[in-house]
Amino acid sequence: MLEFKYMIIITSFLLLLLLFIGFLLQYKKLSPYWKKVFIISLLLCLSLFALMLVLILGTTFKLIYTATNL
């Protein structure tokens, strides 16, 4: 089972991804304010994705390191 912090990060990433897709579909109709919100949500989505990758890779390498040093 995934740890609680992983579940929170994955859930927030998926919610931001849905927000990003919704903005992307309506991008031409958006006012300048909402275009800024769109860019901020894109940056948040990318940073959460990077954090998710770092946590997953860190856990994987930790497991490999632990398994090889028994």
N, C-alpha and C. Protein backbone atom coordinates (compact mmCIF):
# COMPACT_ATOMS: atom_id res chain seq x y z
N MET A 1 0.85 -1.19 0.00
CA MET A 1 0.00 0.00 0.00
C MET A 1 0.89 1.25 0.00
N LEU A 2 0.45 2.22 -0.75
CA LEU A 2 1.21 3.46 -0.83
C LEU A 2 1.15 4.23 0.48
N GLU A 3 2.22 4.92 0.76
CA GLU A 3 2.23 5.76 1.95
C GLU A 3 1.28 6.94 1.74
N PHE A 4 0.90 7.54 2.85
CA PHE A 4 -0.07 8.64 2.81
C PHE A 4 0.44 9.82 2.00
N LYS A 5 1.74 10.16 2.13
CA LYS A 5 2.26 11.31 1.40
C LYS A 5 2.23 11.07 -0.10
N TYR A 6 2.45 9.82 -0.52
CA TYR A 6 2.38 9.53 -1.95
C TYR A 6 0.95 9.69 -2.46
N MET A 7 -0.01 9.23 -1.67
CA MET A 7 -1.41 9.35 -2.09
C MET A 7 -1.83 10.81 -2.20
N ILE A 8 -1.39 11.65 -1.28
CA ILE A 8 -1.73 13.07 -1.34
C ILE A 8 -1.11 13.71 -2.58
N ILE A 9 0.15 13.41 -2.85
CA ILE A 9 0.82 14.00 -4.00
C ILE A 9 0.19 13.53 -5.30
N ILE A 10 -0.11 12.25 -5.42
CA ILE A 10 -0.72 11.73 -6.65
C ILE A 10 -2.11 12.31 -6.85
N THR A 11 -2.89 12.41 -5.78
CA THR A 11 -4.24 12.98 -5.89
C THR A 11 -4.20 14.44 -6.29
N SER A 12 -3.32 15.22 -5.67
CA SER A 12 -3.23 16.64 -6.04
C SER A 12 -2.71 16.80 -7.46
N PHE A 13 -1.80 15.92 -7.88
CA PHE A 13 -1.32 15.96 -9.26
C PHE A 13 -2.46 15.69 -10.24
N LEU A 14 -3.27 14.69 -9.96
CA LEU A 14 -4.38 14.36 -10.86
C LEU A 14 -5.42 15.48 -10.90
N LEU A 15 -5.69 16.10 -9.76
CA LEU A 15 -6.64 17.22 -9.75
C LEU A 15 -6.11 18.41 -10.54
N LEU A 16 -4.82 18.72 -10.37
CA LEU A 16 -4.23 19.80 -11.15
C LEU A 16 -4.19 19.46 -12.63
N LEU A 17 -3.99 18.20 -12.95
CA LEU A 17 -4.00 17.78 -14.35
C LEU A 17 -5.38 17.97 -14.96
N LEU A 18 -6.43 17.65 -14.21
CA LEU A 18 -7.79 17.90 -14.70
C LEU A 18 -8.05 19.39 -14.90
N LEU A 19 -7.59 20.21 -13.96
CA LEU A 19 -7.72 21.66 -14.09
C LEU A 19 -6.99 22.15 -15.33
N PHE A 20 -5.78 21.64 -15.54
CA PHE A 20 -4.97 22.01 -16.69
C PHE A 20 -5.67 21.63 -18.00
N ILE A 21 -6.23 20.43 -18.07
CA ILE A 21 -6.92 19.99 -19.28
C ILE A 21 -8.16 20.85 -19.53
N GLY A 22 -8.88 21.18 -18.47
CA GLY A 22 -10.05 22.05 -18.63
C GLY A 22 -9.68 23.42 -19.15
N PHE A 23 -8.60 24.00 -18.62
CA PHE A 23 -8.14 25.29 -19.12
C PHE A 23 -7.65 25.19 -20.56
N LEU A 24 -6.99 24.08 -20.88
CA LEU A 24 -6.45 23.91 -22.22
C LEU A 24 -7.57 23.87 -23.26
N LEU A 25 -8.68 23.23 -22.90
CA LEU A 25 -9.81 23.14 -23.83
C LEU A 25 -10.47 24.50 -24.05
N GLN A 26 -10.39 25.39 -23.07
CA GLN A 26 -11.05 26.69 -23.16
C GLN A 26 -10.06 27.84 -23.31
N TYR A 27 -8.80 27.58 -23.66
CA TYR A 27 -7.74 28.58 -23.58
C TYR A 27 -8.03 29.83 -24.41
N LYS A 28 -8.56 29.68 -25.62
CA LYS A 28 -8.78 30.85 -26.48
C LYS A 28 -9.88 31.77 -25.95
N LYS A 29 -10.79 31.22 -25.16
CA LYS A 29 -11.90 32.01 -24.62
C LYS A 29 -11.58 32.66 -23.28
N LEU A 30 -10.42 32.34 -22.71
CA LEU A 30 -10.10 32.82 -21.36
C LEU A 30 -9.70 34.29 -21.36
N SER A 31 -10.02 34.97 -20.26
CA SER A 31 -9.56 36.34 -20.06
C SER A 31 -8.09 36.29 -19.64
N PRO A 32 -7.38 37.42 -19.69
CA PRO A 32 -5.96 37.42 -19.31
C PRO A 32 -5.71 36.92 -17.88
N TYR A 33 -6.65 37.20 -16.96
CA TYR A 33 -6.49 36.72 -15.59
C TYR A 33 -6.47 35.20 -15.56
N TRP A 34 -7.42 34.58 -16.25
CA TRP A 34 -7.50 33.12 -16.23
C TRP A 34 -6.37 32.48 -17.00
N LYS A 35 -5.79 33.21 -17.96
CA LYS A 35 -4.61 32.69 -18.65
C LYS A 35 -3.43 32.61 -17.69
N LYS A 36 -3.33 33.59 -16.76
CA LYS A 36 -2.28 33.54 -15.74
C LYS A 36 -2.52 32.36 -14.80
N VAL A 37 -3.78 32.13 -14.43
CA VAL A 37 -4.11 30.99 -13.58
C VAL A 37 -3.75 29.69 -14.29
N PHE A 38 -3.99 29.65 -15.60
CA PHE A 38 -3.65 28.48 -16.40
C PHE A 38 -2.15 28.20 -16.34
N ILE A 39 -1.34 29.24 -16.48
CA ILE A 39 0.11 29.07 -16.47
C ILE A 39 0.58 28.64 -15.08
N ILE A 40 -0.02 29.21 -14.03
CA ILE A 40 0.34 28.81 -12.67
C ILE A 40 -0.03 27.35 -12.42
N SER A 41 -1.20 26.93 -12.90
CA SER A 41 -1.60 25.53 -12.72
C SER A 41 -0.68 24.60 -13.50
N LEU A 42 -0.22 25.05 -14.66
CA LEU A 42 0.74 24.25 -15.44
C LEU A 42 2.05 24.08 -14.66
N LEU A 43 2.54 25.17 -14.08
CA LEU A 43 3.78 25.09 -13.30
C LEU A 43 3.62 24.20 -12.07
N LEU A 44 2.49 24.32 -11.39
CA LEU A 44 2.23 23.47 -10.22
C LEU A 44 2.15 22.00 -10.62
N CYS A 45 1.50 21.75 -11.74
CA CYS A 45 1.37 20.38 -12.23
C CYS A 45 2.74 19.80 -12.55
N LEU A 46 3.57 20.57 -13.20
CA LEU A 46 4.92 20.10 -13.54
C LEU A 46 5.77 19.88 -12.29
N SER A 47 5.66 20.79 -11.32
CA SER A 47 6.46 20.62 -10.11
C SER A 47 5.99 19.41 -9.29
N LEU A 48 4.69 19.18 -9.23
CA LEU A 48 4.20 17.99 -8.53
C LEU A 48 4.61 16.71 -9.25
N PHE A 49 4.63 16.77 -10.58
CA PHE A 49 5.08 15.61 -11.35
C PHE A 49 6.55 15.31 -11.07
N ALA A 50 7.36 16.37 -11.01
CA ALA A 50 8.78 16.18 -10.70
C ALA A 50 8.95 15.63 -9.28
N LEU A 51 8.18 16.13 -8.34
CA LEU A 51 8.25 15.63 -6.96
C LEU A 51 7.85 14.17 -6.89
N MET A 52 6.81 13.80 -7.64
CA MET A 52 6.37 12.42 -7.69
C MET A 52 7.48 11.52 -8.24
N LEU A 53 8.13 11.96 -9.31
CA LEU A 53 9.22 11.17 -9.88
C LEU A 53 10.38 11.01 -8.89
N VAL A 54 10.73 12.10 -8.21
CA VAL A 54 11.82 12.04 -7.24
C VAL A 54 11.48 11.07 -6.11
N LEU A 55 10.26 11.13 -5.60
CA LEU A 55 9.87 10.23 -4.51
C LEU A 55 9.85 8.77 -4.96
N ILE A 56 9.32 8.53 -6.16
CA ILE A 56 9.25 7.15 -6.66
C ILE A 56 10.65 6.61 -6.93
N LEU A 57 11.50 7.42 -7.58
CA LEU A 57 12.86 6.97 -7.87
C LEU A 57 13.66 6.79 -6.58
N GLY A 58 13.49 7.70 -5.63
CA GLY A 58 14.18 7.57 -4.35
C GLY A 58 13.80 6.31 -3.62
N THR A 59 12.51 6.00 -3.61
CA THR A 59 12.05 4.78 -2.96
C THR A 59 12.58 3.55 -3.68
N THR A 60 12.58 3.59 -5.01
CA THR A 60 13.09 2.45 -5.78
C THR A 60 14.56 2.21 -5.50
N PHE A 61 15.36 3.28 -5.53
CA PHE A 61 16.79 3.12 -5.28
C PHE A 61 17.06 2.68 -3.84
N LYS A 62 16.24 3.16 -2.92
CA LYS A 62 16.39 2.74 -1.52
C LYS A 62 16.11 1.25 -1.37
N LEU A 63 15.07 0.78 -2.06
CA LEU A 63 14.75 -0.65 -2.01
C LEU A 63 15.85 -1.49 -2.65
N ILE A 64 16.39 -1.03 -3.78
CA ILE A 64 17.47 -1.76 -4.44
C ILE A 64 18.71 -1.78 -3.55
N TYR A 65 19.03 -0.64 -2.95
CA TYR A 65 20.20 -0.56 -2.07
C TYR A 65 20.04 -1.48 -0.86
N THR A 66 18.84 -1.49 -0.29
CA THR A 66 18.58 -2.35 0.86
C THR A 66 18.66 -3.83 0.47
N ALA A 67 18.14 -4.16 -0.71
CA ALA A 67 18.13 -5.56 -1.14
C ALA A 67 19.54 -6.07 -1.46
N THR A 68 20.40 -5.19 -1.96
CA THR A 68 21.75 -5.64 -2.32
C THR A 68 22.70 -5.67 -1.14
N ASN A 69 22.37 -5.00 -0.05
CA ASN A 69 23.26 -4.95 1.12
C ASN A 69 22.71 -5.75 2.30
N LEU A 70 22.17 -6.90 2.01
CA LEU A 70 21.61 -7.72 3.10
C LEU A 70 22.67 -8.43 3.88
